[in-house]
N, C-alpha and C. Protein backbone atom coordinates (compact mmCIF):
# COMPACT_ATOMS: atom_id res chain seq x y z
N MET A 1 30.52 38.57 25.40
CA MET A 1 29.36 39.22 25.94
C MET A 1 28.73 38.33 27.01
N THR A 2 28.46 38.85 28.17
CA THR A 2 27.87 38.12 29.28
C THR A 2 26.35 38.22 29.19
N PRO A 3 25.65 37.06 29.30
CA PRO A 3 24.19 37.11 29.23
C PRO A 3 23.62 37.82 30.45
N HIS A 4 22.48 38.40 30.27
CA HIS A 4 21.78 39.10 31.35
C HIS A 4 21.48 38.09 32.46
N PRO A 5 21.69 38.43 33.75
CA PRO A 5 21.49 37.48 34.84
C PRO A 5 20.08 36.87 34.87
N THR A 6 19.07 37.64 34.56
CA THR A 6 17.71 37.11 34.56
C THR A 6 17.53 36.07 33.47
N LEU A 7 18.10 36.32 32.29
CA LEU A 7 18.01 35.35 31.18
C LEU A 7 18.79 34.09 31.52
N ALA A 8 19.94 34.23 32.17
CA ALA A 8 20.72 33.06 32.56
C ALA A 8 19.95 32.20 33.55
N ARG A 9 19.29 32.84 34.54
CA ARG A 9 18.50 32.08 35.51
C ARG A 9 17.32 31.40 34.84
N LEU A 10 16.69 32.09 33.90
CA LEU A 10 15.56 31.51 33.17
C LEU A 10 16.00 30.30 32.36
N ALA A 11 17.15 30.38 31.70
CA ALA A 11 17.66 29.26 30.92
C ALA A 11 17.96 28.07 31.82
N CYS A 12 18.54 28.34 32.99
CA CYS A 12 18.86 27.27 33.94
C CYS A 12 17.58 26.61 34.45
N ALA A 13 16.58 27.40 34.80
CA ALA A 13 15.31 26.86 35.29
C ALA A 13 14.62 26.03 34.21
N THR A 14 14.69 26.50 32.97
CA THR A 14 14.07 25.77 31.86
C THR A 14 14.74 24.41 31.69
N ALA A 15 16.06 24.37 31.78
CA ALA A 15 16.79 23.10 31.65
C ALA A 15 16.43 22.15 32.78
N LEU A 16 16.32 22.66 34.00
CA LEU A 16 15.98 21.81 35.13
C LEU A 16 14.57 21.23 35.01
N LEU A 17 13.65 21.97 34.41
CA LEU A 17 12.27 21.52 34.27
C LEU A 17 12.08 20.60 33.07
N ALA A 18 12.95 20.65 32.10
CA ALA A 18 12.74 19.92 30.84
C ALA A 18 12.62 18.42 31.04
N ALA A 19 13.50 17.80 31.82
CA ALA A 19 13.46 16.34 31.98
C ALA A 19 12.18 15.87 32.66
N PRO A 20 11.77 16.44 33.82
CA PRO A 20 10.51 15.98 34.42
C PRO A 20 9.31 16.21 33.52
N LEU A 21 9.29 17.33 32.80
CA LEU A 21 8.16 17.59 31.91
C LEU A 21 8.12 16.59 30.78
N ALA A 22 9.28 16.18 30.29
CA ALA A 22 9.31 15.18 29.22
C ALA A 22 8.74 13.86 29.71
N VAL A 23 9.06 13.48 30.95
CA VAL A 23 8.52 12.24 31.51
C VAL A 23 7.01 12.34 31.65
N LEU A 24 6.52 13.46 32.17
CA LEU A 24 5.07 13.61 32.34
C LEU A 24 4.36 13.65 31.00
N ALA A 25 4.94 14.32 30.03
CA ALA A 25 4.31 14.41 28.71
C ALA A 25 4.25 13.06 28.03
N SER A 26 5.18 12.17 28.37
CA SER A 26 5.20 10.86 27.72
C SER A 26 4.21 9.89 28.37
N GLY A 27 3.46 10.34 29.36
CA GLY A 27 2.46 9.48 29.99
C GLY A 27 2.89 8.98 31.34
N GLY A 28 4.10 9.31 31.81
CA GLY A 28 4.58 8.83 33.08
C GLY A 28 4.17 9.74 34.21
N ALA A 29 4.24 9.22 35.41
CA ALA A 29 3.97 10.00 36.60
C ALA A 29 5.25 10.04 37.42
N ALA A 30 5.22 10.73 38.53
CA ALA A 30 6.41 10.85 39.36
C ALA A 30 6.91 9.48 39.81
N ALA A 31 5.98 8.57 40.12
CA ALA A 31 6.38 7.22 40.55
C ALA A 31 7.08 6.49 39.42
N ASP A 32 6.63 6.71 38.18
CA ASP A 32 7.26 6.07 37.03
C ASP A 32 8.70 6.55 36.89
N ALA A 33 8.91 7.85 37.03
CA ALA A 33 10.25 8.41 36.93
C ALA A 33 11.14 7.88 38.06
N ALA A 34 10.58 7.70 39.24
CA ALA A 34 11.35 7.19 40.37
C ALA A 34 11.81 5.76 40.13
N ILE A 35 10.97 4.94 39.53
CA ILE A 35 11.36 3.54 39.28
C ILE A 35 12.45 3.46 38.23
N VAL A 36 12.43 4.37 37.27
CA VAL A 36 13.50 4.42 36.26
C VAL A 36 14.83 4.63 36.97
N GLU A 37 14.85 5.57 37.91
CA GLU A 37 16.07 5.87 38.64
C GLU A 37 16.46 4.74 39.58
N ARG A 38 15.50 4.22 40.36
CA ARG A 38 15.81 3.15 41.33
C ARG A 38 16.38 1.91 40.67
N LEU A 39 15.85 1.55 39.49
CA LEU A 39 16.32 0.34 38.80
C LEU A 39 17.48 0.61 37.85
N GLY A 40 17.83 1.86 37.65
CA GLY A 40 18.92 2.19 36.74
C GLY A 40 18.58 1.88 35.29
N LEU A 41 17.30 2.03 34.93
CA LEU A 41 16.87 1.72 33.56
C LEU A 41 17.48 2.69 32.56
N THR A 42 17.86 2.14 31.42
CA THR A 42 18.25 2.96 30.29
C THR A 42 17.25 2.70 29.18
N GLU A 43 17.28 3.54 28.17
CA GLU A 43 16.36 3.42 27.04
C GLU A 43 14.90 3.35 27.51
N ALA A 44 14.60 4.06 28.60
CA ALA A 44 13.25 4.03 29.17
C ALA A 44 12.29 4.83 28.29
N ARG A 45 11.14 4.22 28.03
CA ARG A 45 10.10 4.91 27.27
C ARG A 45 8.74 4.40 27.72
N PHE A 46 7.74 5.26 27.60
CA PHE A 46 6.39 4.90 27.96
C PHE A 46 5.61 4.58 26.70
N GLU A 47 4.73 3.59 26.80
CA GLU A 47 3.83 3.23 25.71
C GLU A 47 2.41 3.23 26.26
N GLU A 48 1.51 3.79 25.50
CA GLU A 48 0.11 3.81 25.92
C GLU A 48 -0.45 2.40 25.96
N ASP A 49 -1.24 2.13 26.95
CA ASP A 49 -1.89 0.85 27.16
C ASP A 49 -3.37 1.15 27.31
N ARG A 50 -4.20 0.14 27.20
CA ARG A 50 -5.64 0.38 27.33
C ARG A 50 -6.03 0.82 28.74
N ARG A 51 -5.23 0.48 29.74
CA ARG A 51 -5.52 0.89 31.13
C ARG A 51 -4.61 2.01 31.59
N ASN A 52 -3.32 1.77 31.59
CA ASN A 52 -2.31 2.71 32.06
C ASN A 52 -1.11 2.63 31.13
N PRO A 53 -0.30 3.68 31.07
CA PRO A 53 0.91 3.57 30.25
C PRO A 53 1.85 2.51 30.83
N ASP A 54 2.53 1.80 29.96
CA ASP A 54 3.55 0.83 30.37
C ASP A 54 4.91 1.48 30.19
N LEU A 55 5.84 1.10 31.03
CA LEU A 55 7.20 1.59 30.94
C LEU A 55 8.06 0.46 30.40
N HIS A 56 8.83 0.75 29.38
CA HIS A 56 9.77 -0.22 28.81
C HIS A 56 11.17 0.33 28.99
N GLY A 57 12.12 -0.54 29.30
CA GLY A 57 13.50 -0.09 29.47
C GLY A 57 14.45 -1.26 29.55
N THR A 58 15.70 -0.93 29.74
CA THR A 58 16.76 -1.93 29.83
C THR A 58 17.41 -1.84 31.20
N LEU A 59 17.44 -2.98 31.90
CA LEU A 59 18.09 -3.05 33.20
C LEU A 59 19.61 -3.05 33.02
N PRO A 60 20.36 -2.65 34.06
CA PRO A 60 21.81 -2.83 33.98
C PRO A 60 22.09 -4.32 33.72
N GLY A 61 22.95 -4.60 32.79
CA GLY A 61 23.20 -5.98 32.39
C GLY A 61 22.55 -6.30 31.06
N GLY A 62 21.66 -5.42 30.59
CA GLY A 62 21.14 -5.56 29.24
C GLY A 62 19.79 -6.23 29.05
N VAL A 63 19.13 -6.68 30.10
CA VAL A 63 17.84 -7.34 29.95
C VAL A 63 16.73 -6.29 29.78
N ARG A 64 15.93 -6.46 28.74
CA ARG A 64 14.81 -5.56 28.47
C ARG A 64 13.62 -5.99 29.32
N VAL A 65 12.92 -5.00 29.91
CA VAL A 65 11.76 -5.28 30.75
C VAL A 65 10.60 -4.36 30.40
N GLU A 66 9.41 -4.83 30.76
CA GLU A 66 8.20 -4.03 30.70
C GLU A 66 7.71 -3.89 32.13
N ILE A 67 7.36 -2.67 32.52
CA ILE A 67 6.90 -2.41 33.88
C ILE A 67 5.49 -1.85 33.77
N GLU A 68 4.56 -2.49 34.49
CA GLU A 68 3.17 -2.04 34.52
C GLU A 68 2.86 -1.49 35.91
N PHE A 69 1.91 -0.54 35.94
CA PHE A 69 1.55 0.12 37.19
C PHE A 69 0.06 -0.06 37.46
N HIS A 70 -0.29 -0.12 38.76
CA HIS A 70 -1.69 -0.09 39.16
C HIS A 70 -2.22 1.33 38.91
N ARG A 71 -3.52 1.48 38.95
CA ARG A 71 -4.14 2.80 38.72
C ARG A 71 -3.64 3.86 39.70
N ASP A 72 -3.27 3.44 40.92
CA ASP A 72 -2.80 4.40 41.91
C ASP A 72 -1.32 4.77 41.72
N GLY A 73 -0.67 4.21 40.70
CA GLY A 73 0.72 4.51 40.41
C GLY A 73 1.71 3.56 41.03
N SER A 74 1.26 2.64 41.88
CA SER A 74 2.16 1.66 42.48
C SER A 74 2.50 0.57 41.47
N LEU A 75 3.60 -0.12 41.71
CA LEU A 75 4.03 -1.18 40.80
C LEU A 75 3.02 -2.31 40.73
N ASP A 76 2.79 -2.80 39.52
CA ASP A 76 1.93 -3.95 39.29
C ASP A 76 2.80 -5.15 38.90
N GLU A 77 3.66 -4.97 37.89
CA GLU A 77 4.45 -6.10 37.40
C GLU A 77 5.72 -5.61 36.71
N ILE A 78 6.79 -6.38 36.87
CA ILE A 78 8.02 -6.22 36.10
C ILE A 78 8.19 -7.53 35.36
N GLU A 79 8.33 -7.46 34.04
CA GLU A 79 8.38 -8.67 33.24
C GLU A 79 9.49 -8.56 32.19
N ALA A 80 10.27 -9.64 32.04
CA ALA A 80 11.28 -9.70 30.98
C ALA A 80 10.56 -9.76 29.64
N THR A 81 11.02 -8.99 28.67
CA THR A 81 10.32 -8.95 27.38
C THR A 81 11.01 -9.76 26.30
N GLY A 82 12.20 -10.22 26.54
CA GLY A 82 12.93 -11.00 25.54
C GLY A 82 13.05 -12.45 25.95
N GLN A 83 14.08 -13.08 25.44
CA GLN A 83 14.33 -14.49 25.73
C GLN A 83 15.23 -14.69 26.94
N GLN A 84 15.53 -13.63 27.64
CA GLN A 84 16.47 -13.68 28.75
C GLN A 84 15.82 -13.18 30.04
N PRO A 85 15.85 -13.98 31.11
CA PRO A 85 15.34 -13.50 32.40
C PRO A 85 16.34 -12.53 33.03
N PHE A 86 15.88 -11.76 34.01
CA PHE A 86 16.75 -10.79 34.67
C PHE A 86 17.18 -11.31 36.03
N PRO A 87 18.37 -10.93 36.50
CA PRO A 87 18.81 -11.35 37.83
C PRO A 87 17.89 -10.75 38.90
N ALA A 88 17.59 -11.53 39.92
CA ALA A 88 16.74 -11.05 41.01
C ALA A 88 17.33 -9.78 41.62
N ALA A 89 18.65 -9.71 41.69
CA ALA A 89 19.31 -8.53 42.27
C ALA A 89 19.03 -7.26 41.47
N ALA A 90 18.74 -7.39 40.17
CA ALA A 90 18.52 -6.21 39.33
C ALA A 90 17.25 -5.46 39.71
N ILE A 91 16.28 -6.15 40.28
CA ILE A 91 15.02 -5.50 40.63
C ILE A 91 14.87 -5.35 42.15
N ALA A 92 15.90 -5.71 42.90
CA ALA A 92 15.84 -5.63 44.36
C ALA A 92 15.41 -4.24 44.87
N PRO A 93 15.86 -3.14 44.24
CA PRO A 93 15.44 -1.82 44.75
C PRO A 93 13.92 -1.58 44.65
N ALA A 94 13.23 -2.35 43.84
CA ALA A 94 11.77 -2.19 43.70
C ALA A 94 10.99 -3.04 44.69
N LEU A 95 11.66 -3.96 45.35
CA LEU A 95 10.99 -4.88 46.28
C LEU A 95 10.82 -4.26 47.66
N PRO A 96 9.76 -4.64 48.36
CA PRO A 96 9.66 -4.25 49.77
C PRO A 96 10.87 -4.81 50.53
N ALA A 97 11.41 -4.04 51.46
CA ALA A 97 12.61 -4.46 52.20
C ALA A 97 12.42 -5.81 52.88
N ALA A 98 11.24 -6.07 53.42
CA ALA A 98 10.98 -7.35 54.11
C ALA A 98 11.08 -8.53 53.15
N VAL A 99 10.71 -8.34 51.90
CA VAL A 99 10.78 -9.43 50.92
C VAL A 99 12.22 -9.65 50.48
N ARG A 100 12.92 -8.59 50.10
CA ARG A 100 14.29 -8.77 49.57
C ARG A 100 15.27 -9.25 50.64
N SER A 101 14.94 -9.04 51.93
CA SER A 101 15.84 -9.51 52.99
C SER A 101 15.35 -10.81 53.64
N ALA A 102 14.27 -11.38 53.10
CA ALA A 102 13.73 -12.63 53.66
C ALA A 102 14.70 -13.78 53.44
N PRO A 103 14.82 -14.69 54.40
CA PRO A 103 15.74 -15.81 54.25
C PRO A 103 15.41 -16.71 53.06
N ASP A 104 14.15 -16.76 52.65
CA ASP A 104 13.76 -17.62 51.53
C ASP A 104 13.80 -16.90 50.18
N TRP A 105 14.15 -15.60 50.15
CA TRP A 105 14.21 -14.87 48.89
C TRP A 105 15.33 -15.47 48.04
N PRO A 106 15.04 -15.88 46.80
CA PRO A 106 16.04 -16.51 45.94
C PRO A 106 16.94 -15.46 45.26
N ALA A 107 17.87 -14.90 46.02
CA ALA A 107 18.70 -13.80 45.53
C ALA A 107 19.54 -14.19 44.31
N ASP A 108 19.83 -15.48 44.14
CA ASP A 108 20.66 -15.92 43.01
C ASP A 108 19.82 -16.40 41.82
N ALA A 109 18.53 -16.20 41.87
CA ALA A 109 17.64 -16.64 40.79
C ALA A 109 17.65 -15.63 39.65
N ARG A 110 17.17 -16.09 38.50
CA ARG A 110 16.91 -15.22 37.35
C ARG A 110 15.41 -15.25 37.15
N LEU A 111 14.79 -14.09 37.01
CA LEU A 111 13.34 -13.99 37.03
C LEU A 111 12.76 -13.60 35.68
N TRP A 112 11.60 -14.19 35.40
CA TRP A 112 10.82 -13.82 34.21
C TRP A 112 9.83 -12.72 34.56
N SER A 113 9.27 -12.80 35.77
CA SER A 113 8.28 -11.79 36.16
C SER A 113 8.21 -11.66 37.67
N VAL A 114 7.80 -10.45 38.09
CA VAL A 114 7.56 -10.14 39.50
C VAL A 114 6.25 -9.37 39.52
N GLU A 115 5.27 -9.87 40.30
CA GLU A 115 3.98 -9.20 40.41
C GLU A 115 3.81 -8.67 41.84
N PHE A 116 3.32 -7.45 41.92
CA PHE A 116 3.12 -6.77 43.21
C PHE A 116 1.63 -6.54 43.43
N ASP A 117 1.13 -6.88 44.62
CA ASP A 117 -0.24 -6.54 44.99
C ASP A 117 -0.34 -6.45 46.51
N ALA A 118 -1.51 -6.19 47.01
CA ALA A 118 -1.69 -6.01 48.45
C ALA A 118 -1.37 -7.28 49.24
N ASP A 119 -1.46 -8.44 48.57
CA ASP A 119 -1.17 -9.71 49.25
C ASP A 119 0.31 -10.05 49.27
N GLY A 120 1.15 -9.27 48.60
CA GLY A 120 2.58 -9.52 48.59
C GLY A 120 3.18 -9.49 47.21
N VAL A 121 4.16 -10.37 47.00
CA VAL A 121 4.93 -10.41 45.76
C VAL A 121 4.94 -11.84 45.24
N GLU A 122 4.63 -11.98 43.95
CA GLU A 122 4.72 -13.28 43.29
C GLU A 122 5.82 -13.21 42.25
N ILE A 123 6.64 -14.27 42.19
CA ILE A 123 7.73 -14.30 41.21
C ILE A 123 7.70 -15.59 40.42
N GLU A 124 8.24 -15.51 39.23
CA GLU A 124 8.39 -16.68 38.36
C GLU A 124 9.78 -16.59 37.76
N GLY A 125 10.54 -17.69 37.84
CA GLY A 125 11.89 -17.63 37.31
C GLY A 125 12.58 -18.97 37.27
N ILE A 126 13.92 -18.88 37.30
CA ILE A 126 14.79 -20.05 37.24
C ILE A 126 15.74 -19.96 38.42
N ASP A 127 15.81 -21.01 39.24
CA ASP A 127 16.67 -20.96 40.41
C ASP A 127 18.13 -21.22 40.02
N ALA A 128 19.03 -21.16 41.00
CA ALA A 128 20.46 -21.33 40.75
C ALA A 128 20.79 -22.70 40.16
N ALA A 129 19.94 -23.70 40.41
CA ALA A 129 20.16 -25.05 39.88
C ALA A 129 19.57 -25.22 38.48
N GLY A 130 18.96 -24.14 37.93
CA GLY A 130 18.41 -24.21 36.58
C GLY A 130 16.97 -24.71 36.51
N ARG A 131 16.31 -24.84 37.66
CA ARG A 131 14.92 -25.31 37.69
C ARG A 131 13.95 -24.14 37.66
N SER A 132 12.87 -24.30 36.90
CA SER A 132 11.82 -23.29 36.88
C SER A 132 11.07 -23.33 38.20
N PHE A 133 10.64 -22.16 38.66
CA PHE A 133 9.90 -22.10 39.91
C PHE A 133 8.94 -20.93 39.90
N GLU A 134 7.96 -21.00 40.79
CA GLU A 134 7.05 -19.91 41.09
C GLU A 134 7.01 -19.80 42.61
N ALA A 135 6.97 -18.57 43.11
CA ALA A 135 6.94 -18.37 44.56
C ALA A 135 6.08 -17.16 44.89
N GLU A 136 5.52 -17.20 46.10
CA GLU A 136 4.70 -16.10 46.58
C GLU A 136 5.18 -15.71 47.97
N PHE A 137 5.41 -14.41 48.16
CA PHE A 137 5.85 -13.88 49.44
C PHE A 137 4.82 -12.92 50.00
N ALA A 138 4.58 -12.99 51.31
CA ALA A 138 3.69 -12.05 51.99
C ALA A 138 4.41 -10.71 52.11
N PRO A 139 3.68 -9.64 52.34
CA PRO A 139 4.32 -8.33 52.49
C PRO A 139 5.38 -8.29 53.59
N ASP A 140 5.26 -9.17 54.61
CA ASP A 140 6.25 -9.21 55.69
C ASP A 140 7.47 -10.06 55.34
N GLY A 141 7.54 -10.59 54.10
CA GLY A 141 8.68 -11.39 53.65
C GLY A 141 8.52 -12.88 53.84
N ARG A 142 7.47 -13.30 54.50
CA ARG A 142 7.25 -14.72 54.75
C ARG A 142 6.93 -15.43 53.43
N LEU A 143 7.57 -16.58 53.19
CA LEU A 143 7.29 -17.39 52.01
C LEU A 143 5.94 -18.06 52.20
N ILE A 144 5.00 -17.79 51.30
CA ILE A 144 3.67 -18.38 51.37
C ILE A 144 3.63 -19.70 50.62
N ASP A 145 4.22 -19.71 49.42
CA ASP A 145 4.16 -20.91 48.59
C ASP A 145 5.32 -20.87 47.60
N MET A 146 5.87 -22.07 47.31
CA MET A 146 6.90 -22.18 46.27
C MET A 146 6.70 -23.50 45.55
N ASP A 147 6.60 -23.43 44.23
CA ASP A 147 6.50 -24.63 43.39
C ASP A 147 7.74 -24.66 42.51
N VAL A 148 8.45 -25.79 42.56
CA VAL A 148 9.68 -25.95 41.77
C VAL A 148 9.48 -27.13 40.82
N ASP A 149 9.78 -26.91 39.53
CA ASP A 149 9.70 -27.99 38.54
C ASP A 149 11.00 -28.78 38.60
N ASP A 150 10.86 -30.08 38.69
CA ASP A 150 12.07 -30.95 38.70
C ASP A 150 12.44 -31.40 37.33
């Protein structure tokens, strides 16, 4: 028996709407759903926070992260939640192009956190030589400050 064409279209439309509605119902916004896709997060879920919902998920490679958003929906912070930092390359799609292509960007580093604000991007991690560091980049990609522990 062939389903009625109107019912078939309705079922298809319902399926197409189900995923975005599930994201919105869980406290996420369109920007939250976009970051899940850009970073390739799996096991993504939203948790209520006192300010805004936080997004938790797993980056490709298995590192668990927590992602916080500013009130306007823009990224606030990406932070490793376990004992393992994430490769800088894993979050590159979330970075402003000028920062990720900057000559001083530590592409081979493993990061504990990345903070985003109007003044640029601040990172904390471990460089390729195994040293802990903190760095701050301007929105145009210029390195503002870098502190490396010896």
